[in-house]
Amino acid sequence: KAMAYDKVVACNFMLGTPSRSCLSYNAEPSPALGVDLGTTNSAGAVRTNNETTILSNNLGARTTPSMVSYTRDGTFVVGEKARRQAVANPENTFYGVKHLMGRSFDDVRAFVRRLTYKTTKAPDGGVAISCPLLNKTLLPQQISSKVIRELGSDYTTFFNKEPKNVVITVPAYFDDAQRNATKDAGRIAQLDVLRIINEPTAAALAYGFDKSQNARIFVFDAGGGTFDVSLLEAGDGVFEVLKTGGDPSLGGDDIDDAITEWLINGFQETHGFDLRGEPRTLQRLKEAAEKAKLELSAASQAKINLPFIVTRQGKPLHLSTTLSRDTLDELLREVFERFRAPTLAVLREAGVSAQEIDHVILAGGTTRIPALQELVATELGQEPVSGINPDEVVAVGAAIQGEIITGDSSDVVLIDVTSLSLGLETLGGIHTKLIPRNTSLPTSKTQMFSTAADNQTVVGISVLQGEREFASDCKPLGTFELTGIQSAPRGVPQITVAFTIDVDGILTVRATEGTSGTSNELEIKDSTKRSDDDIRRMIEEANEFADQDQEKKMLVTLKIDAEAIIYEAQAKLQEGGDERNDADRIQGAIRDLQAALNRSEPASIKSCSDALRQLLAQERP
């Protein structure tokens, strides 16, 4: 495995071409639209004259459900109107698409089983959403674009002109494909996407202007479908994300599901009927669960009444029960542990104690749950800061970032970090990391490589993401092949590979082969972007198998070095022929080393390699 180019070429993991806004004379500049594109709800904000405004929708609400529903006349509705269609028109009402953005169908099979609408595998391996009323399939980013456009309509109502630019937030764990899909959603909405920023970064920025310098800030962001925790450092107008963690499949929806499951089990115990096979009934249950969750944020109990929930043997059945906060806390014990573990992990990895944190920020509507607030205060040793609605704080930060980019604000710098290490597959299947996890963005890293065999004219480049030591245990981001390399002995071509990640977290891989002036072409053999695995699980696996991986890597490295020494020895024998008095000794040492390689004995490989190396180092008589 090796990598090279003759001329500078690039494999850019980004969909489409960045849009460009046109300049017009005598036009009053329009502030950028800041969008918190949430799994459950979305919010829009704008910032002018150092003041931030949360945009209200046509119903007067400051958040809009991230739902789109198609009607029989071929039109669609967004937000609360779509939510009202969910029960009567579940097959054509789409929600939770943020989980599907930029992901492969195989990765989301478990999630899509819980949806009331149908999905299929797209030709490129991604997710296609079936819309029976349109008799066609839609991409998740097409659905999300309509949510963004709806927020754009709120912008138009407020400013009496259409938005041109947008800053969109994404979970810190979103990979290239998911970020690109989010960008595409903005472009489909006919907006110039200025920046994609992480949600916890936006939350920190929203509070940043009023906070003291040289402060450590912990952001606990629990939305409807994702959970992110980040440790940031603020000072001299700079916010640097030191560590990130979380769970991309954890959020308020898990709490709704727990309550829904409790309702289903209770109904089954009472009436002997399982409600799980009724899509419309499930939607009513989920809405009731969400309503009860919200009520229990302020009250000690919530009454749930769902008349005519189902008809059995011609007789209507009703669901009526009361859920207490204590019962809810008991139901959510395992869910809360999933919030706790990443929180503690970020502190541990950063080497920072709770006492060293200066401020704690809550973001996302799920943080309104009293037991979750208590968990955060207990684990971090302080009460979170207040002053900005947690449902709106991310949108506020996005609007501020838009103001910074368009030059309407004082200089403030945001530095995000990579969620996982990035590297290449090299000889022996080893994952050679070029950019370590938690490297500040933007960043670039260049490293020299060469060919692995004599007269190798084609090299394959496999780009990887993950913490394990071997390529087979990491996530492939993409592969491409370079042909036309000038024939030369192994190790002679000088092949430079450069990784560059921009401020949006978009990865670009460039390579240059400097041994020839001929023009080589790069063909991308497989640029399919698969979704990010559970990053928390990947990190835990890397820690669990660290000793085993290191032992395996040591053996592979010893074998690679041994084969290189054998290659060198055989080359010198061919050069010297019978003139070398030590030829027999060198050939014997080669046989000993080859035997050690066949036995895969590390100690024997090392000792035989050292012996052969010493022979080669001796002066010829």
Foldseek 3Di string as FASTA:
>chain_A
DWDFFADKDWDFLFPDDFDDDDDDPPDDDDFAWFWALDQFKIWIWADDPNDIDTFAAPVRDSIFTLKKFADLVGDIDGGPVLLVCCLVGVQRMDGRLLVQQLAFCVQCVVVQVLGSYDWDQDPLRGIWTDHVSVRDTDHSLCSSLVVVLSNQVSVCVVPVDGHAEYEYEDAQQFAQRRLNSPCVSVVVNVHRYPFYYYLQLLLCLLCVVVDDAQAWEWEFEAAAAWTKIWIWTGHPQEIATQAMATWRGAHNVVLLVLQLVVQQVVCCVVPVDGPSVPSSLSSVSSVQSVVQQVVQLPDQKDWGWAWQSDADPNRGDIGTDMDGLVNSCVSCVVSLVSSLVRVVVRCVVSVHALVRHDAYHYAYPRCSRVVSQVSCCVRSVHHHDDDDDNDCSSSSSRNVVSCVSVPNDPDHYYKFWAQWFKAWQDPPQFGDTFGGGSDIPFDKGKDKIWADAFQDFKDKIWMWTAQFGGRVLTHTQFMKMKGGRGGGGTPPWIKMWMWGAHPNRTIMIIMHTHPDNDRIDIDGPTNRGHTDDGSVVRVVVCVVCVVVRVVVVLLSVLVSLLVVLLVVLVVVCVVCPPQAPCNVVLVVLNVQLVVCNVVSDNVSNVVSSVVNVVVVPDDGD
